[in-house]
Amino acid sequence: MQDLIARLMAEGLTEQQAYKAIEIIKNFTKEKFPLFSGPIDKLFDKYAPKTEDDFMP
């Protein structure tokens, strides 16, 4: 996934825009292939940017 993010950034997108583009692709794919929405979520979530857990709410 980082390769794809890097390629999108090389084409002129910011990192946030690149992640948003991938999110759009994920949602489009799920819409077109609803039978595979579970595996698609797992695939994309595995490579999603990690947010650090804050120990204070």
PDB file of N, CA and C in Angstrom:
ATOM      1  N   MET A   1       0.825  -1.187   0.000  1.00  0.00           N
ATOM      2  CA  MET A   1       0.000   0.000   0.000  1.00  0.00           C
ATOM      3  C   MET A   1       0.868   1.249   0.000  1.00  0.00           C
ATOM      4  N   GLN A   2       1.972   1.197   0.716  1.00  0.00           N
ATOM      5  CA  GLN A   2       2.857   2.360   0.739  1.00  0.00           C
ATOM      6  C   GLN A   2       3.393   2.670  -0.660  1.00  0.00           C
ATOM      7  N   ASP A   3       3.587   1.630  -1.473  1.00  0.00           N
ATOM      8  CA  ASP A   3       4.024   1.868  -2.849  1.00  0.00           C
ATOM      9  C   ASP A   3       2.982   2.666  -3.612  1.00  0.00           C
ATOM     10  N   LEU A   4       1.718   2.329  -3.415  1.00  0.00           N
ATOM     11  CA  LEU A   4       0.645   3.039  -4.090  1.00  0.00           C
ATOM     12  C   LEU A   4       0.538   4.469  -3.585  1.00  0.00           C
ATOM     13  N   ILE A   5       0.644   4.655  -2.284  1.00  0.00           N
ATOM     14  CA  ILE A   5       0.617   6.004  -1.711  1.00  0.00           C
ATOM     15  C   ILE A   5       1.760   6.833  -2.292  1.00  0.00           C
ATOM     16  N   ALA A   6       2.952   6.244  -2.344  1.00  0.00           N
ATOM     17  CA  ALA A   6       4.115   6.950  -2.880  1.00  0.00           C
ATOM     18  C   ALA A   6       3.911   7.311  -4.346  1.00  0.00           C
ATOM     19  N   ARG A   7       3.329   6.411  -5.102  1.00  0.00           N
ATOM     20  CA  ARG A   7       3.094   6.686  -6.524  1.00  0.00           C
ATOM     21  C   ARG A   7       2.080   7.814  -6.704  1.00  0.00           C
ATOM     22  N   LEU A   8       1.023   7.793  -5.901  1.00  0.00           N
ATOM     23  CA  LEU A   8       0.030   8.867  -5.981  1.00  0.00           C
ATOM     24  C   LEU A   8       0.642  10.208  -5.582  1.00  0.00           C
ATOM     25  N   MET A   9       1.503  10.180  -4.575  1.00  0.00           N
ATOM     26  CA  MET A   9       2.164  11.413  -4.153  1.00  0.00           C
ATOM     27  C   MET A   9       3.133  11.904  -5.222  1.00  0.00           C
ATOM     28  N   ALA A  10       3.781  10.989  -5.931  1.00  0.00           N
ATOM     29  CA  ALA A  10       4.690  11.373  -7.020  1.00  0.00           C
ATOM     30  C   ALA A  10       3.926  12.028  -8.162  1.00  0.00           C
ATOM     31  N   GLU A  11       2.642  11.704  -8.264  1.00  0.00           N
ATOM     32  CA  GLU A  11       1.797  12.295  -9.307  1.00  0.00           C
ATOM     33  C   GLU A  11       1.209  13.638  -8.878  1.00  0.00           C
ATOM     34  N   GLY A  12       1.544  14.074  -7.661  1.00  0.00           N
ATOM     35  CA  GLY A  12       1.143  15.414  -7.240  1.00  0.00           C
ATOM     36  C   GLY A  12       0.110  15.477  -6.128  1.00  0.00           C
ATOM     37  N   LEU A  13      -0.337  14.329  -5.614  1.00  0.00           N
ATOM     38  CA  LEU A  13      -1.294  14.355  -4.512  1.00  0.00           C
ATOM     39  C   LEU A  13      -0.558  14.488  -3.185  1.00  0.00           C
ATOM     40  N   THR A  14      -1.221  15.102  -2.221  1.00  0.00           N
ATOM     41  CA  THR A  14      -0.673  15.107  -0.866  1.00  0.00           C
ATOM     42  C   THR A  14      -0.928  13.725  -0.266  1.00  0.00           C
ATOM     43  N   GLU A  15      -0.313  13.460   0.863  1.00  0.00           N
ATOM     44  CA  GLU A  15      -0.519  12.161   1.511  1.00  0.00           C
ATOM     45  C   GLU A  15      -1.992  11.978   1.877  1.00  0.00           C
ATOM     46  N   GLN A  16      -2.621  13.027   2.401  1.00  0.00           N
ATOM     47  CA  GLN A  16      -4.040  12.942   2.759  1.00  0.00           C
ATOM     48  C   GLN A  16      -4.901  12.685   1.526  1.00  0.00           C
ATOM     49  N   GLN A  17      -4.589  13.342   0.422  1.00  0.00           N
ATOM     50  CA  GLN A  17      -5.343  13.133  -0.810  1.00  0.00           C
ATOM     51  C   GLN A  17      -5.153  11.710  -1.326  1.00  0.00           C
ATOM     52  N   ALA A  18      -3.962  11.178  -1.202  1.00  0.00           N
ATOM     53  CA  ALA A  18      -3.688   9.818  -1.662  1.00  0.00           C
ATOM     54  C   ALA A  18      -4.499   8.811  -0.849  1.00  0.00           C
ATOM     55  N   TYR A  19      -4.541   8.971   0.469  1.00  0.00           N
ATOM     56  CA  TYR A  19      -5.334   8.068   1.292  1.00  0.00           C
ATOM     57  C   TYR A  19      -6.822   8.207   0.975  1.00  0.00           C
ATOM     58  N   LYS A  20      -7.272   9.433   0.715  1.00  0.00           N
ATOM     59  CA  LYS A  20      -8.669   9.651   0.357  1.00  0.00           C
ATOM     60  C   LYS A  20      -8.989   8.972  -0.974  1.00  0.00           C
ATOM     61  N   ALA A  21      -8.080   9.053  -1.940  1.00  0.00           N
ATOM     62  CA  ALA A  21      -8.281   8.401  -3.240  1.00  0.00           C
ATOM     63  C   ALA A  21      -8.420   6.896  -3.057  1.00  0.00           C
ATOM     64  N   ILE A  22      -7.607   6.321  -2.199  1.00  0.00           N
ATOM     65  CA  ILE A  22      -7.686   4.878  -1.953  1.00  0.00           C
ATOM     66  C   ILE A  22      -8.996   4.532  -1.263  1.00  0.00           C
ATOM     67  N   GLU A  23      -9.449   5.383  -0.358  1.00  0.00           N
ATOM     68  CA  GLU A  23     -10.734   5.155   0.292  1.00  0.00           C
ATOM     69  C   GLU A  23     -11.876   5.174  -0.729  1.00  0.00           C
ATOM     70  N   ILE A  24     -11.807   6.089  -1.674  1.00  0.00           N
ATOM     71  CA  ILE A  24     -12.816   6.166  -2.729  1.00  0.00           C
ATOM     72  C   ILE A  24     -12.791   4.900  -3.576  1.00  0.00           C
ATOM     73  N   ILE A  25     -11.604   4.432  -3.917  1.00  0.00           N
ATOM     74  CA  ILE A  25     -11.477   3.195  -4.698  1.00  0.00           C
ATOM     75  C   ILE A  25     -12.048   2.021  -3.922  1.00  0.00           C
ATOM     76  N   LYS A  26     -11.755   1.959  -2.629  1.00  0.00           N
ATOM     77  CA  LYS A  26     -12.281   0.885  -1.782  1.00  0.00           C
ATOM     78  C   LYS A  26     -13.802   0.894  -1.792  1.00  0.00           C
ATOM     79  N   ASN A  27     -14.398   2.053  -1.587  1.00  0.00           N
ATOM     80  CA  ASN A  27     -15.855   2.141  -1.547  1.00  0.00           C
ATOM     81  C   ASN A  27     -16.480   1.822  -2.901  1.00  0.00           C
ATOM     82  N   PHE A  28     -15.848   2.259  -3.970  1.00  0.00           N
ATOM     83  CA  PHE A  28     -16.332   1.959  -5.315  1.00  0.00           C
ATOM     84  C   PHE A  28     -16.304   0.454  -5.565  1.00  0.00           C
ATOM     85  N   THR A  29     -15.219  -0.180  -5.178  1.00  0.00           N
ATOM     86  CA  THR A  29     -15.078  -1.626  -5.369  1.00  0.00           C
ATOM     87  C   THR A  29     -16.133  -2.382  -4.571  1.00  0.00           C
ATOM     88  N   LYS A  30     -16.373  -1.956  -3.344  1.00  0.00           N
ATOM     89  CA  LYS A  30     -17.390  -2.606  -2.519  1.00  0.00           C
ATOM     90  C   LYS A  30     -18.781  -2.432  -3.127  1.00  0.00           C
ATOM     91  N   GLU A  31     -19.030  -1.270  -3.716  1.00  0.00           N
ATOM     92  CA  GLU A  31     -20.324  -1.011  -4.345  1.00  0.00           C
ATOM     93  C   GLU A  31     -20.531  -1.910  -5.569  1.00  0.00           C
ATOM     94  N   LYS A  32     -19.484  -2.088  -6.346  1.00  0.00           N
ATOM     95  CA  LYS A  32     -19.573  -2.889  -7.566  1.00  0.00           C
ATOM     96  C   LYS A  32     -19.558  -4.386  -7.282  1.00  0.00           C
ATOM     97  N   PHE A  33     -18.914  -4.786  -6.195  1.00  0.00           N
ATOM     98  CA  PHE A  33     -18.793  -6.201  -5.847  1.00  0.00           C
ATOM     99  C   PHE A  33     -19.216  -6.411  -4.392  1.00  0.00           C
ATOM    100  N   PRO A  34     -20.504  -6.225  -4.086  1.00  0.00           N
ATOM    101  CA  PRO A  34     -20.945  -6.293  -2.687  1.00  0.00           C
ATOM    102  C   PRO A  34     -20.700  -7.656  -2.039  1.00  0.00           C
ATOM    103  N   LEU A  35     -20.656  -8.690  -2.820  1.00  0.00           N
ATOM    104  CA  LEU A  35     -20.400 -10.021  -2.279  1.00  0.00           C
ATOM    105  C   LEU A  35     -19.027 -10.096  -1.609  1.00  0.00           C
ATOM    106  N   PHE A  36     -18.092  -9.269  -2.072  1.00  0.00           N
ATOM    107  CA  PHE A  36     -16.723  -9.291  -1.559  1.00  0.00           C
ATOM    108  C   PHE A  36     -16.429  -8.135  -0.600  1.00  0.00           C
ATOM    109  N   SER A  37     -17.460  -7.488  -0.073  1.00  0.00           N
ATOM    110  CA  SER A  37     -17.216  -6.310   0.761  1.00  0.00           C
ATOM    111  C   SER A  37     -16.418  -6.644   2.028  1.00  0.00           C
ATOM    112  N   GLY A  38     -16.648  -7.811   2.621  1.00  0.00           N
ATOM    113  CA  GLY A  38     -15.883  -8.205   3.814  1.00  0.00           C
ATOM    114  C   GLY A  38     -14.403  -8.348   3.531  1.00  0.00           C
ATOM    115  N   PRO A  39     -14.043  -9.171   2.538  1.00  0.00           N
ATOM    116  CA  PRO A  39     -12.620  -9.296   2.205  1.00  0.00           C
ATOM    117  C   PRO A  39     -11.976  -7.985   1.738  1.00  0.00           C
ATOM    118  N   ILE A  40     -12.751  -7.158   1.035  1.00  0.00           N
ATOM    119  CA  ILE A  40     -12.219  -5.867   0.587  1.00  0.00           C
ATOM    120  C   ILE A  40     -11.889  -5.001   1.801  1.00  0.00           C
ATOM    121  N   ASP A  41     -12.801  -4.960   2.782  1.00  0.00           N
ATOM    122  CA  ASP A  41     -12.531  -4.196   4.007  1.00  0.00           C
ATOM    123  C   ASP A  41     -11.283  -4.702   4.705  1.00  0.00           C
ATOM    124  N   LYS A  42     -11.158  -6.021   4.827  1.00  0.00           N
ATOM    125  CA  LYS A  42      -9.991  -6.588   5.497  1.00  0.00           C
ATOM    126  C   LYS A  42      -8.701  -6.233   4.772  1.00  0.00           C
ATOM    127  N   LEU A  43      -8.729  -6.310   3.444  1.00  0.00           N
ATOM    128  CA  LEU A  43      -7.538  -5.992   2.660  1.00  0.00           C
ATOM    129  C   LEU A  43      -7.128  -4.535   2.845  1.00  0.00           C
ATOM    130  N   PHE A  44      -8.079  -3.631   2.688  1.00  0.00           N
ATOM    131  CA  PHE A  44      -7.747  -2.217   2.784  1.00  0.00           C
ATOM    132  C   PHE A  44      -7.449  -1.794   4.212  1.00  0.00           C
ATOM    133  N   ASP A  45      -8.169  -2.351   5.188  1.00  0.00           N
ATOM    134  CA  ASP A  45      -7.926  -1.987   6.584  1.00  0.00           C
ATOM    135  C   ASP A  45      -6.554  -2.450   7.049  1.00  0.00           C
ATOM    136  N   LYS A  46      -6.103  -3.554   6.504  1.00  0.00           N
ATOM    137  CA  LYS A  46      -4.780  -4.066   6.869  1.00  0.00           C
ATOM    138  C   LYS A  46      -3.695  -3.057   6.511  1.00  0.00           C
ATOM    139  N   TYR A  47      -3.899  -2.335   5.421  1.00  0.00           N
ATOM    140  CA  TYR A  47      -2.892  -1.395   4.946  1.00  0.00           C
ATOM    141  C   TYR A  47      -3.270   0.057   5.181  1.00  0.00           C
ATOM    142  N   ALA A  48      -4.298   0.300   5.965  1.00  0.00           N
ATOM    143  CA  ALA A  48      -4.720   1.668   6.255  1.00  0.00           C
ATOM    144  C   ALA A  48      -3.695   2.333   7.172  1.00  0.00           C
ATOM    145  N   PRO A  49      -3.661   3.650   7.151  1.00  0.00           N
ATOM    146  CA  PRO A  49      -2.725   4.325   8.053  1.00  0.00           C
ATOM    147  C   PRO A  49      -3.096   4.029   9.490  1.00  0.00           C
ATOM    148  N   LYS A  50      -2.103   3.790  10.300  1.00  0.00           N
ATOM    149  CA  LYS A  50      -2.328   3.450  11.699  1.00  0.00           C
ATOM    150  C   LYS A  50      -2.447   4.731  12.514  1.00  0.00           C
ATOM    151  N   THR A  51      -3.447   4.753  13.373  1.00  0.00           N
ATOM    152  CA  THR A  51      -3.557   5.865  14.310  1.00  0.00           C
ATOM    153  C   THR A  51      -3.122   5.350  15.662  1.00  0.00           C
ATOM    154  N   GLU A  52      -2.358   6.153  16.342  1.00  0.00           N
ATOM    155  CA  GLU A  52      -1.870   5.732  17.649  1.00  0.00           C
ATOM    156  C   GLU A  52      -2.998   5.835  18.657  1.00  0.00           C
ATOM    157  N   ASP A  53      -3.097   4.829  19.492  1.00  0.00           N
ATOM    158  CA  ASP A  53      -4.106   4.849  20.546  1.00  0.00           C
ATOM    159  C   ASP A  53      -3.642   5.815  21.630  1.00  0.00           C
ATOM    160  N   ASP A  54      -4.528   6.703  21.982  1.00  0.00           N
ATOM    161  CA  ASP A  54      -4.233   7.654  23.045  1.00  0.00           C
ATOM    162  C   ASP A  54      -4.657   7.025  24.366  1.00  0.00           C
ATOM    163  N   PHE A  55      -3.781   7.015  25.333  1.00  0.00           N
ATOM    164  CA  PHE A  55      -4.101   6.379  26.590  1.00  0.00           C
ATOM    165  C   PHE A  55      -5.031   7.238  27.448  1.00  0.00           C
ATOM    166  N   MET A  56      -5.230   8.480  27.042  1.00  0.00           N
ATOM    167  CA  MET A  56      -6.154   9.362  27.771  1.00  0.00           C
ATOM    168  C   MET A  56      -7.316   9.700  26.853  1.00  0.00           C
ATOM    169  N   PRO A  57      -8.540   9.439  27.297  1.00  0.00           N
ATOM    170  CA  PRO A  57      -9.703   9.749  26.453  1.00  0.00           C
ATOM    171  C   PRO A  57      -9.922  11.219  26.258  1.00  0.00           C
TER     172      PRO A  57
END
